[in-house]
């Protein structure tokens, strides 16, 4: 019976990974569910090392998402103001796109928003159209890479949880 519970719980944790695609904090929900499992189950108790691993990987995923967009924009010539526009645009795009395509619009909205936000801020601060477009492409590429890296960190967290939970 424990195997059934663990299997269902691992499926729930896998669904948490999908939330990252919608711009929601899926990795942190995964950590919260692991803590809840640990509190409710008499055995096994996860150790400090396990929690340090999943929290560390979760933080690495957040940092990767943040810095990928920043460095993507910089690599393609974005200024600090353009990067700020890219971040604000990605946030606004995710919110505006969330109701569409069964929630997948948040992903498309965040990526398009990073482009539009960076482009608008670059143009507003005197950059030419080709310069602003190139910088906006960098912000968009960085956003895509950042989301990918965050999901990959979530997969590492899920794998660590599966190894701890699955009966040997």
Protein backbone atom coordinates (compact mmCIF):
# COMPACT_ATOMS: atom_id res chain seq x y z
CA UNK A 1 0.00 0.00 0.00
CA UNK A 2 2.92 2.32 0.70
CA UNK A 3 4.07 1.84 -2.89
CA UNK A 4 0.71 3.12 -4.15
CA UNK A 5 0.87 6.19 -1.89
CA UNK A 6 4.44 6.94 -2.93
CA UNK A 7 3.54 6.53 -6.61
CA UNK A 8 0.60 8.93 -6.31
CA UNK A 9 2.70 11.41 -4.35
CA UNK A 10 5.45 11.30 -6.98
CA UNK A 11 2.84 12.01 -9.66
CA UNK A 12 1.68 15.01 -7.63
CA UNK A 13 5.28 16.22 -7.37
CA UNK A 14 5.65 15.75 -11.13
CA UNK A 15 2.59 17.94 -11.66
CA UNK A 16 4.37 20.61 -9.59
CA UNK A 17 7.10 20.69 -12.24
CA UNK A 18 4.50 21.54 -14.84
CA UNK A 19 3.55 24.63 -12.86
CA UNK A 20 6.95 26.14 -13.70
CA UNK A 21 5.89 26.30 -17.33
CA UNK A 22 2.90 28.46 -16.33
CA UNK A 23 5.16 30.87 -14.44
CA UNK A 24 4.06 29.56 -11.04
CA UNK A 25 6.43 28.54 -8.22
CA UNK A 26 6.29 24.80 -8.90
CA UNK A 27 9.71 24.03 -7.43
CA UNK A 28 8.76 25.66 -4.13
CA UNK A 29 5.44 23.86 -4.02
CA UNK A 30 7.41 20.64 -4.50
CA UNK A 31 9.55 21.51 -1.46
CA UNK A 32 6.47 22.36 0.58
CA UNK A 33 4.81 19.05 -0.29
CA UNK A 34 7.97 17.19 0.68
CA UNK A 35 7.94 18.89 4.09
CA UNK A 36 4.26 17.98 4.48
CA UNK A 37 4.97 14.35 3.57
CA UNK A 38 7.83 14.27 6.05
CA UNK A 39 5.61 15.65 8.83
CA UNK A 40 2.68 13.32 8.12
CA UNK A 41 4.61 10.09 7.61
CA UNK A 42 6.10 8.28 10.59
CA UNK A 43 8.94 7.05 8.36
CA UNK A 44 11.19 7.91 6.54
CA UNK A 45 12.30 11.29 7.79
CA UNK A 46 14.37 13.27 5.36
CA UNK A 47 17.64 14.56 6.74
CA UNK A 48 19.14 18.01 6.72
CA UNK A 49 21.31 17.08 3.73
CA UNK A 50 18.26 16.22 1.64
CA UNK A 51 16.51 19.49 2.45
CA UNK A 52 19.72 21.41 1.82
CA UNK A 53 19.94 19.75 -1.60
CA UNK A 54 16.38 20.48 -2.72
CA UNK A 55 16.37 24.04 -1.39
CA UNK A 56 19.81 24.71 -2.90
CA UNK A 57 18.74 23.37 -6.29
CA UNK A 58 15.51 25.38 -6.07
CA UNK A 59 17.49 28.55 -5.39
CA UNK A 60 19.82 27.69 -8.27
CA UNK A 61 16.79 27.38 -10.56
CA UNK A 62 15.51 30.79 -9.52
CA UNK A 63 18.95 32.34 -10.01
CA UNK A 64 19.34 30.68 -13.40
CA UNK A 65 16.00 32.04 -14.54
CA UNK A 66 16.83 35.54 -13.36
CA UNK A 67 20.38 35.76 -14.62
CA UNK A 68 19.75 34.02 -17.94
CA UNK A 69 17.42 36.79 -19.03
CA UNK A 70 19.79 39.44 -17.69
CA UNK A 71 22.85 38.01 -19.43
CA UNK A 72 20.90 37.16 -22.58
CA UNK A 73 19.89 40.78 -22.93
CA UNK A 74 23.38 42.03 -22.11
CA UNK A 75 24.95 39.64 -24.60
CA UNK A 76 22.80 41.13 -27.33
CA UNK A 77 23.38 44.74 -26.30
CA UNK A 78 20.59 45.55 -23.86
CA UNK A 79 21.14 48.36 -21.40
CA UNK A 80 20.11 48.18 -17.77
CA UNK A 81 16.88 49.97 -18.62
CA UNK A 82 16.19 47.53 -21.43
CA UNK A 83 16.71 44.60 -19.08
CA UNK A 84 14.35 46.19 -16.57
CA UNK A 85 11.79 46.50 -19.35
CA UNK A 86 12.35 42.85 -20.24
CA UNK A 87 11.70 41.74 -16.65
CA UNK A 88 8.60 43.89 -16.33
CA UNK A 89 7.37 42.79 -19.74
CA UNK A 90 7.87 39.12 -18.92
CA UNK A 91 5.91 39.52 -15.70
CA UNK A 92 3.09 41.42 -17.39
CA UNK A 93 3.04 39.03 -20.33
CA UNK A 94 2.76 36.00 -18.04
CA UNK A 95 -0.16 37.60 -16.20
CA UNK A 96 -1.96 38.69 -19.35
CA UNK A 97 -1.35 35.42 -21.17
CA UNK A 98 -2.36 33.09 -18.33
CA UNK A 99 -6.07 32.83 -19.28
CA UNK A 100 -5.26 31.61 -22.81
CA UNK A 101 -4.40 28.15 -24.17
CA UNK A 102 -5.32 26.37 -20.93
CA UNK A 103 -2.75 28.39 -19.02
CA UNK A 104 0.09 27.88 -21.49
CA UNK A 105 -0.47 31.45 -22.59
CA UNK A 106 1.55 32.46 -19.51
CA UNK A 107 4.63 30.85 -21.04
CA UNK A 108 4.13 32.50 -24.40
CA UNK A 109 3.18 35.77 -22.73
CA UNK A 110 6.33 35.78 -20.58
CA UNK A 111 8.56 35.15 -23.58
CA UNK A 112 6.80 37.71 -25.78
CA UNK A 113 6.63 40.15 -22.86
CA UNK A 114 10.39 39.93 -22.34
CA UNK A 115 10.86 40.90 -25.98
CA UNK A 116 8.27 43.70 -26.02
CA UNK A 117 9.29 45.14 -22.66
CA UNK A 118 12.97 45.28 -23.56
CA UNK A 119 12.22 46.69 -27.01
CA UNK A 120 9.94 49.44 -25.69
CA UNK A 121 12.37 50.49 -22.96
CA UNK A 122 15.31 50.52 -25.36
CA UNK A 123 13.41 52.60 -27.93
CA UNK A 124 12.17 54.98 -25.23
CA UNK A 125 15.76 55.67 -24.23
CA UNK A 126 17.00 56.60 -27.67
CA UNK A 127 18.21 53.32 -29.18
CA UNK A 128 17.66 52.74 -32.90
CA UNK A 129 15.19 50.14 -34.09
CA UNK A 130 17.82 47.51 -35.06
CA UNK A 131 19.67 47.97 -31.75
CA UNK A 132 16.47 47.71 -29.72
CA UNK A 133 15.29 44.68 -31.67
CA UNK A 134 18.62 42.90 -31.18
CA UNK A 135 18.61 43.63 -27.44
CA UNK A 136 15.00 42.43 -27.18
CA UNK A 137 15.90 39.18 -28.94
CA UNK A 138 18.59 38.61 -26.32
CA UNK A 139 16.12 39.19 -23.50
CA UNK A 140 13.71 36.76 -25.14
CA UNK A 141 16.37 34.08 -25.65
CA UNK A 142 17.49 34.53 -22.07
CA UNK A 143 13.92 34.11 -20.80
CA UNK A 144 13.52 30.86 -22.73
CA UNK A 145 16.84 29.53 -21.43
CA UNK A 146 15.97 30.63 -17.89
CA UNK A 147 12.63 28.82 -17.90
CA UNK A 148 14.36 25.73 -19.27
CA UNK A 149 17.02 25.85 -16.57
CA UNK A 150 14.40 26.29 -13.84
CA UNK A 151 12.45 23.26 -15.05
CA UNK A 152 15.70 21.27 -15.25
CA UNK A 153 16.43 22.14 -11.61
CA UNK A 154 12.92 20.97 -10.77
CA UNK A 155 13.65 17.65 -12.44
CA UNK A 156 16.74 17.28 -10.25
CA UNK A 157 14.62 18.03 -7.18
CA UNK A 158 11.98 15.50 -8.25
CA UNK A 159 14.62 12.84 -8.89
CA UNK A 160 16.15 13.38 -5.45
CA UNK A 161 12.70 13.09 -3.89
CA UNK A 162 11.92 9.91 -5.84
CA UNK A 163 15.18 8.33 -4.67
CA UNK A 164 14.36 9.15 -1.05
CA UNK A 165 10.72 8.09 -1.19
CA UNK A 166 10.73 4.98 -3.32
CA UNK A 167 10.84 1.80 -1.22
CA UNK A 168 14.13 -0.02 -1.77
